[in-house]
Amino acid sequence: MKFEDSVAIETAVVCVEGRVDASNAGLLDAHCRTHMADHARKSLVLDLAGVDYLSSAGLRSILTLGKHAQSSGGKLVLCGIRGTVREIFEISGFLSLFPVADDMEQAVRLAMA
């Protein structure tokens, strides 16, 4: 799994690439929290366009990130969800838990709203 980090206005942005499974889901959580803290951001955009596999451990990490952002007064916005990963989000009901954007620009707007 690889990360590409940036900051968009008042939001931390993390683009994830590769597999998110039991072996590295904790790393995703820790990485995103550190990135948010380093830039004093409450909200997080998680771009999953580069993710080709997501396990239940990955879903758990995303849920934890969403709760963390919410408890800080921010929100977690997902974008770039496609293919099998989107099916996993649909089946699990996660698409109703978080704002989902079609692209990064929309995701940043949702995170700031």
N, C-alpha and C. Protein backbone atom coordinates (compact mmCIF):
# COMPACT_ATOMS: atom_id res chain seq x y z
N MET A 1 0.85 -1.17 0.00
CA MET A 1 0.00 0.00 0.00
C MET A 1 0.90 1.24 0.00
N LYS A 2 0.50 2.21 -0.81
CA LYS A 2 1.23 3.47 -0.89
C LYS A 2 0.29 4.62 -0.59
N PHE A 3 0.87 5.73 -0.12
CA PHE A 3 0.10 6.93 0.19
C PHE A 3 0.69 8.12 -0.56
N GLU A 4 -0.19 9.02 -0.96
CA GLU A 4 0.22 10.32 -1.48
C GLU A 4 -0.60 11.35 -0.72
N ASP A 5 0.07 12.21 0.02
CA ASP A 5 -0.60 13.16 0.90
C ASP A 5 -0.56 14.57 0.34
N SER A 6 -1.61 15.32 0.68
CA SER A 6 -1.64 16.74 0.35
C SER A 6 -2.61 17.41 1.30
N VAL A 7 -2.69 18.71 1.19
CA VAL A 7 -3.64 19.49 1.97
C VAL A 7 -4.40 20.37 0.99
N ALA A 8 -5.72 20.34 1.08
CA ALA A 8 -6.56 21.16 0.21
C ALA A 8 -7.39 22.08 1.10
N ILE A 9 -7.03 23.33 1.10
CA ILE A 9 -7.69 24.36 1.89
C ILE A 9 -7.68 23.96 3.36
N GLU A 10 -8.78 23.48 3.91
CA GLU A 10 -8.85 23.14 5.33
C GLU A 10 -8.95 21.63 5.55
N THR A 11 -8.52 20.86 4.58
CA THR A 11 -8.76 19.42 4.62
C THR A 11 -7.49 18.64 4.31
N ALA A 12 -7.24 17.60 5.10
CA ALA A 12 -6.15 16.67 4.79
C ALA A 12 -6.63 15.73 3.69
N VAL A 13 -5.78 15.44 2.74
CA VAL A 13 -6.13 14.55 1.63
C VAL A 13 -5.11 13.42 1.59
N VAL A 14 -5.60 12.19 1.54
CA VAL A 14 -4.73 11.02 1.42
C VAL A 14 -5.24 10.18 0.26
N CYS A 15 -4.38 9.98 -0.73
CA CYS A 15 -4.67 9.08 -1.85
C CYS A 15 -4.00 7.75 -1.54
N VAL A 16 -4.79 6.69 -1.59
CA VAL A 16 -4.32 5.36 -1.23
C VAL A 16 -4.22 4.52 -2.49
N GLU A 17 -3.15 3.73 -2.56
CA GLU A 17 -2.94 2.86 -3.72
C GLU A 17 -2.57 1.47 -3.25
N GLY A 18 -3.17 0.46 -3.86
CA GLY A 18 -2.83 -0.93 -3.54
C GLY A 18 -3.93 -1.62 -2.77
N ARG A 19 -3.54 -2.61 -1.99
CA ARG A 19 -4.46 -3.40 -1.18
C ARG A 19 -4.55 -2.84 0.23
N VAL A 20 -5.76 -2.86 0.78
CA VAL A 20 -5.95 -2.50 2.18
C VAL A 20 -6.56 -3.73 2.84
N ASP A 21 -5.74 -4.42 3.63
CA ASP A 21 -6.19 -5.66 4.25
C ASP A 21 -5.69 -5.73 5.69
N ALA A 22 -5.85 -6.89 6.31
CA ALA A 22 -5.50 -7.04 7.73
C ALA A 22 -4.03 -6.74 8.00
N SER A 23 -3.18 -6.96 7.01
CA SER A 23 -1.75 -6.76 7.24
C SER A 23 -1.34 -5.28 7.29
N ASN A 24 -2.18 -4.39 6.73
CA ASN A 24 -1.77 -2.98 6.70
C ASN A 24 -2.89 -1.98 7.03
N ALA A 25 -4.05 -2.45 7.42
CA ALA A 25 -5.16 -1.55 7.73
C ALA A 25 -4.81 -0.61 8.89
N GLY A 26 -4.09 -1.10 9.88
CA GLY A 26 -3.66 -0.26 10.99
C GLY A 26 -2.74 0.86 10.53
N LEU A 27 -1.93 0.56 9.53
CA LEU A 27 -1.03 1.56 8.96
C LEU A 27 -1.84 2.68 8.30
N LEU A 28 -2.91 2.32 7.61
CA LEU A 28 -3.78 3.33 6.99
C LEU A 28 -4.33 4.27 8.06
N ASP A 29 -4.86 3.70 9.12
CA ASP A 29 -5.42 4.50 10.21
C ASP A 29 -4.36 5.43 10.81
N ALA A 30 -3.23 4.87 11.16
CA ALA A 30 -2.15 5.66 11.78
C ALA A 30 -1.64 6.75 10.84
N HIS A 31 -1.46 6.41 9.58
CA HIS A 31 -0.96 7.38 8.60
C HIS A 31 -1.92 8.56 8.45
N CYS A 32 -3.20 8.26 8.31
CA CYS A 32 -4.18 9.34 8.11
C CYS A 32 -4.29 10.22 9.35
N ARG A 33 -4.29 9.62 10.52
CA ARG A 33 -4.37 10.42 11.76
C ARG A 33 -3.15 11.32 11.90
N THR A 34 -1.98 10.79 11.60
CA THR A 34 -0.76 11.58 11.68
C THR A 34 -0.79 12.74 10.68
N HIS A 35 -1.23 12.46 9.46
CA HIS A 35 -1.32 13.50 8.44
C HIS A 35 -2.29 14.60 8.87
N MET A 36 -3.43 14.21 9.44
CA MET A 36 -4.40 15.20 9.92
C MET A 36 -3.79 16.03 11.05
N ALA A 37 -3.11 15.38 11.98
CA ALA A 37 -2.52 16.08 13.13
C ALA A 37 -1.38 17.00 12.70
N ASP A 38 -0.54 16.52 11.79
CA ASP A 38 0.61 17.32 11.33
C ASP A 38 0.18 18.63 10.70
N HIS A 39 -1.00 18.63 10.08
CA HIS A 39 -1.47 19.82 9.37
C HIS A 39 -2.65 20.48 10.09
N ALA A 40 -2.93 20.02 11.31
CA ALA A 40 -4.01 20.58 12.13
C ALA A 40 -5.32 20.64 11.36
N ARG A 41 -5.66 19.54 10.73
CA ARG A 41 -6.90 19.44 9.95
C ARG A 41 -7.88 18.52 10.66
N LYS A 42 -9.15 18.91 10.67
CA LYS A 42 -10.18 18.11 11.29
C LYS A 42 -10.82 17.14 10.30
N SER A 43 -10.89 17.54 9.04
CA SER A 43 -11.54 16.72 8.02
C SER A 43 -10.50 16.01 7.16
N LEU A 44 -10.95 14.90 6.58
CA LEU A 44 -10.08 14.07 5.76
C LEU A 44 -10.81 13.64 4.50
N VAL A 45 -10.16 13.82 3.36
CA VAL A 45 -10.63 13.23 2.11
C VAL A 45 -9.75 12.01 1.86
N LEU A 46 -10.40 10.88 1.69
CA LEU A 46 -9.70 9.63 1.43
C LEU A 46 -10.01 9.22 0.00
N ASP A 47 -9.00 9.34 -0.88
CA ASP A 47 -9.15 9.00 -2.29
C ASP A 47 -8.76 7.53 -2.46
N LEU A 48 -9.74 6.72 -2.81
CA LEU A 48 -9.53 5.27 -2.92
C LEU A 48 -9.47 4.80 -4.37
N ALA A 49 -9.26 5.71 -5.30
CA ALA A 49 -9.23 5.33 -6.72
C ALA A 49 -8.15 4.29 -7.02
N GLY A 50 -7.06 4.32 -6.27
CA GLY A 50 -5.96 3.40 -6.51
C GLY A 50 -6.04 2.11 -5.71
N VAL A 51 -7.13 1.91 -4.97
CA VAL A 51 -7.27 0.71 -4.15
C VAL A 51 -7.93 -0.38 -4.98
N ASP A 52 -7.28 -1.53 -5.06
CA ASP A 52 -7.84 -2.63 -5.84
C ASP A 52 -8.40 -3.76 -4.97
N TYR A 53 -8.19 -3.68 -3.66
CA TYR A 53 -8.75 -4.68 -2.75
C TYR A 53 -8.94 -4.03 -1.38
N LEU A 54 -10.08 -4.31 -0.76
CA LEU A 54 -10.39 -3.78 0.56
C LEU A 54 -11.04 -4.88 1.39
N SER A 55 -10.40 -5.22 2.49
CA SER A 55 -10.94 -6.26 3.37
C SER A 55 -11.80 -5.65 4.47
N SER A 56 -12.37 -6.51 5.30
CA SER A 56 -13.16 -6.02 6.44
C SER A 56 -12.28 -5.22 7.41
N ALA A 57 -11.02 -5.58 7.50
CA ALA A 57 -10.10 -4.81 8.35
C ALA A 57 -9.92 -3.40 7.79
N GLY A 58 -9.88 -3.27 6.48
CA GLY A 58 -9.81 -1.96 5.84
C GLY A 58 -11.06 -1.15 6.10
N LEU A 59 -12.22 -1.80 6.01
CA LEU A 59 -13.47 -1.12 6.32
C LEU A 59 -13.48 -0.63 7.77
N ARG A 60 -12.98 -1.46 8.66
CA ARG A 60 -12.92 -1.09 10.08
C ARG A 60 -12.03 0.14 10.28
N SER A 61 -10.90 0.19 9.60
CA SER A 61 -10.01 1.35 9.71
C SER A 61 -10.68 2.61 9.18
N ILE A 62 -11.41 2.48 8.09
CA ILE A 62 -12.11 3.64 7.52
C ILE A 62 -13.21 4.10 8.48
N LEU A 63 -13.92 3.17 9.09
CA LEU A 63 -14.94 3.53 10.07
C LEU A 63 -14.31 4.26 11.26
N THR A 64 -13.17 3.78 11.72
CA THR A 64 -12.46 4.41 12.83
C THR A 64 -12.01 5.82 12.45
N LEU A 65 -11.52 5.99 11.24
CA LEU A 65 -11.12 7.32 10.77
C LEU A 65 -12.31 8.26 10.73
N GLY A 66 -13.45 7.76 10.28
CA GLY A 66 -14.65 8.58 10.24
C GLY A 66 -15.08 9.03 11.62
N LYS A 67 -15.02 8.12 12.59
CA LYS A 67 -15.37 8.47 13.96
C LYS A 67 -14.38 9.48 14.54
N HIS A 68 -13.10 9.29 14.22
CA HIS A 68 -12.07 10.23 14.70
C HIS A 68 -12.31 11.63 14.14
N ALA A 69 -12.57 11.71 12.84
CA ALA A 69 -12.82 13.01 12.22
C ALA A 69 -14.06 13.66 12.83
N GLN A 70 -15.10 12.89 13.02
CA GLN A 70 -16.35 13.42 13.57
C GLN A 70 -16.15 13.91 15.01
N SER A 71 -15.41 13.16 15.80
CA SER A 71 -15.18 13.57 17.19
C SER A 71 -14.32 14.83 17.27
N SER A 72 -13.57 15.12 16.21
CA SER A 72 -12.75 16.33 16.15
C SER A 72 -13.50 17.51 15.57
N GLY A 73 -14.76 17.29 15.19
CA GLY A 73 -15.55 18.36 14.59
C GLY A 73 -15.44 18.43 13.09
N GLY A 74 -14.87 17.41 12.49
CA GLY A 74 -14.72 17.37 11.04
C GLY A 74 -15.50 16.22 10.45
N LYS A 75 -15.10 15.80 9.26
CA LYS A 75 -15.76 14.68 8.61
C LYS A 75 -14.79 13.95 7.70
N LEU A 76 -15.14 12.74 7.39
CA LEU A 76 -14.42 11.92 6.43
C LEU A 76 -15.23 11.89 5.15
N VAL A 77 -14.59 12.23 4.04
CA VAL A 77 -15.23 12.18 2.73
C VAL A 77 -14.45 11.20 1.88
N LEU A 78 -15.17 10.31 1.21
CA LEU A 78 -14.55 9.31 0.35
C LEU A 78 -14.71 9.73 -1.10
N CYS A 79 -13.69 9.44 -1.89
CA CYS A 79 -13.82 9.67 -3.33
C CYS A 79 -13.03 8.62 -4.09
N GLY A 80 -13.34 8.51 -5.38
CA GLY A 80 -12.61 7.57 -6.23
C GLY A 80 -12.97 6.12 -6.02
N ILE A 81 -14.09 5.85 -5.37
CA ILE A 81 -14.47 4.45 -5.12
C ILE A 81 -15.01 3.86 -6.41
N ARG A 82 -14.44 2.74 -6.83
CA ARG A 82 -14.85 2.14 -8.11
C ARG A 82 -14.73 0.62 -8.06
N GLY A 83 -15.35 -0.02 -9.02
CA GLY A 83 -15.20 -1.47 -9.21
C GLY A 83 -15.60 -2.29 -7.99
N THR A 84 -14.78 -3.28 -7.71
CA THR A 84 -15.02 -4.21 -6.61
C THR A 84 -15.05 -3.49 -5.27
N VAL A 85 -14.21 -2.50 -5.10
CA VAL A 85 -14.18 -1.75 -3.83
C VAL A 85 -15.51 -1.05 -3.62
N ARG A 86 -16.09 -0.50 -4.67
CA ARG A 86 -17.40 0.15 -4.55
C ARG A 86 -18.46 -0.88 -4.16
N GLU A 87 -18.39 -2.05 -4.74
CA GLU A 87 -19.34 -3.12 -4.40
C GLU A 87 -19.24 -3.48 -2.92
N ILE A 88 -18.02 -3.53 -2.40
CA ILE A 88 -17.82 -3.82 -0.97
C ILE A 88 -18.46 -2.74 -0.12
N PHE A 89 -18.29 -1.48 -0.50
CA PHE A 89 -18.91 -0.37 0.23
C PHE A 89 -20.44 -0.46 0.15
N GLU A 90 -20.97 -0.81 -1.01
CA GLU A 90 -22.42 -0.93 -1.16
C GLU A 90 -22.98 -2.06 -0.30
N ILE A 91 -22.36 -3.24 -0.37
CA ILE A 91 -22.84 -4.41 0.37
C ILE A 91 -22.77 -4.16 1.88
N SER A 92 -21.72 -3.50 2.32
CA SER A 92 -21.52 -3.27 3.75
C SER A 92 -22.38 -2.12 4.29
N GLY A 93 -22.96 -1.32 3.41
CA GLY A 93 -23.76 -0.18 3.83
C GLY A 93 -22.93 1.06 4.13
N PHE A 94 -21.64 1.02 3.85
CA PHE A 94 -20.76 2.15 4.17
C PHE A 94 -21.03 3.37 3.31
N LEU A 95 -21.63 3.20 2.15
CA LEU A 95 -21.90 4.37 1.30
C LEU A 95 -22.90 5.31 1.96
N SER A 96 -23.70 4.79 2.89
CA SER A 96 -24.66 5.65 3.58
C SER A 96 -24.06 6.28 4.84
N LEU A 97 -22.87 5.85 5.24
CA LEU A 97 -22.24 6.37 6.46
C LEU A 97 -21.42 7.63 6.23
N PHE A 98 -20.87 7.77 5.02
CA PHE A 98 -19.94 8.87 4.74
C PHE A 98 -20.35 9.56 3.45
N PRO A 99 -20.04 10.87 3.35
CA PRO A 99 -20.22 11.54 2.06
C PRO A 99 -19.28 10.92 1.03
N VAL A 100 -19.79 10.72 -0.17
CA VAL A 100 -19.00 10.13 -1.25
C VAL A 100 -19.03 11.09 -2.43
N ALA A 101 -17.86 11.40 -2.96
CA ALA A 101 -17.73 12.35 -4.07
C ALA A 101 -17.24 11.62 -5.31
N ASP A 102 -17.59 12.20 -6.44
CA ASP A 102 -17.14 11.64 -7.72
C ASP A 102 -15.70 12.03 -8.05
N ASP A 103 -15.28 13.21 -7.57
CA ASP A 103 -13.92 13.66 -7.86
C ASP A 103 -13.36 14.44 -6.67
N MET A 104 -12.11 14.77 -6.76
CA MET A 104 -11.42 15.43 -5.64
C MET A 104 -12.00 16.82 -5.35
N GLU A 105 -12.32 17.58 -6.36
CA GLU A 105 -12.85 18.92 -6.15
C GLU A 105 -14.16 18.86 -5.35
N GLN A 106 -15.04 17.97 -5.74
CA GLN A 106 -16.31 17.80 -5.02
C GLN A 106 -16.05 17.29 -3.61
N ALA A 107 -15.09 16.39 -3.44
CA ALA A 107 -14.77 15.84 -2.12
C ALA A 107 -14.31 16.93 -1.16
N VAL A 108 -13.45 17.81 -1.63
CA VAL A 108 -12.96 18.91 -0.78
C VAL A 108 -14.11 19.84 -0.40
N ARG A 109 -15.00 20.13 -1.35
CA ARG A 109 -16.16 20.97 -1.04
C ARG A 109 -17.03 20.31 0.04
N LEU A 110 -17.27 19.02 -0.09
CA LEU A 110 -18.08 18.30 0.91
C LEU A 110 -17.41 18.30 2.27
N ALA A 111 -16.09 18.17 2.29
CA ALA A 111 -15.37 18.15 3.56
C ALA A 111 -15.44 19.47 4.28
N MET A 112 -15.51 20.55 3.53
CA MET A 112 -15.55 21.89 4.12
C MET A 112 -16.96 22.33 4.48
N ALA A 113 -17.97 21.67 3.95
CA ALA A 113 -19.37 22.08 4.18
C ALA A 113 -19.81 21.77 5.59
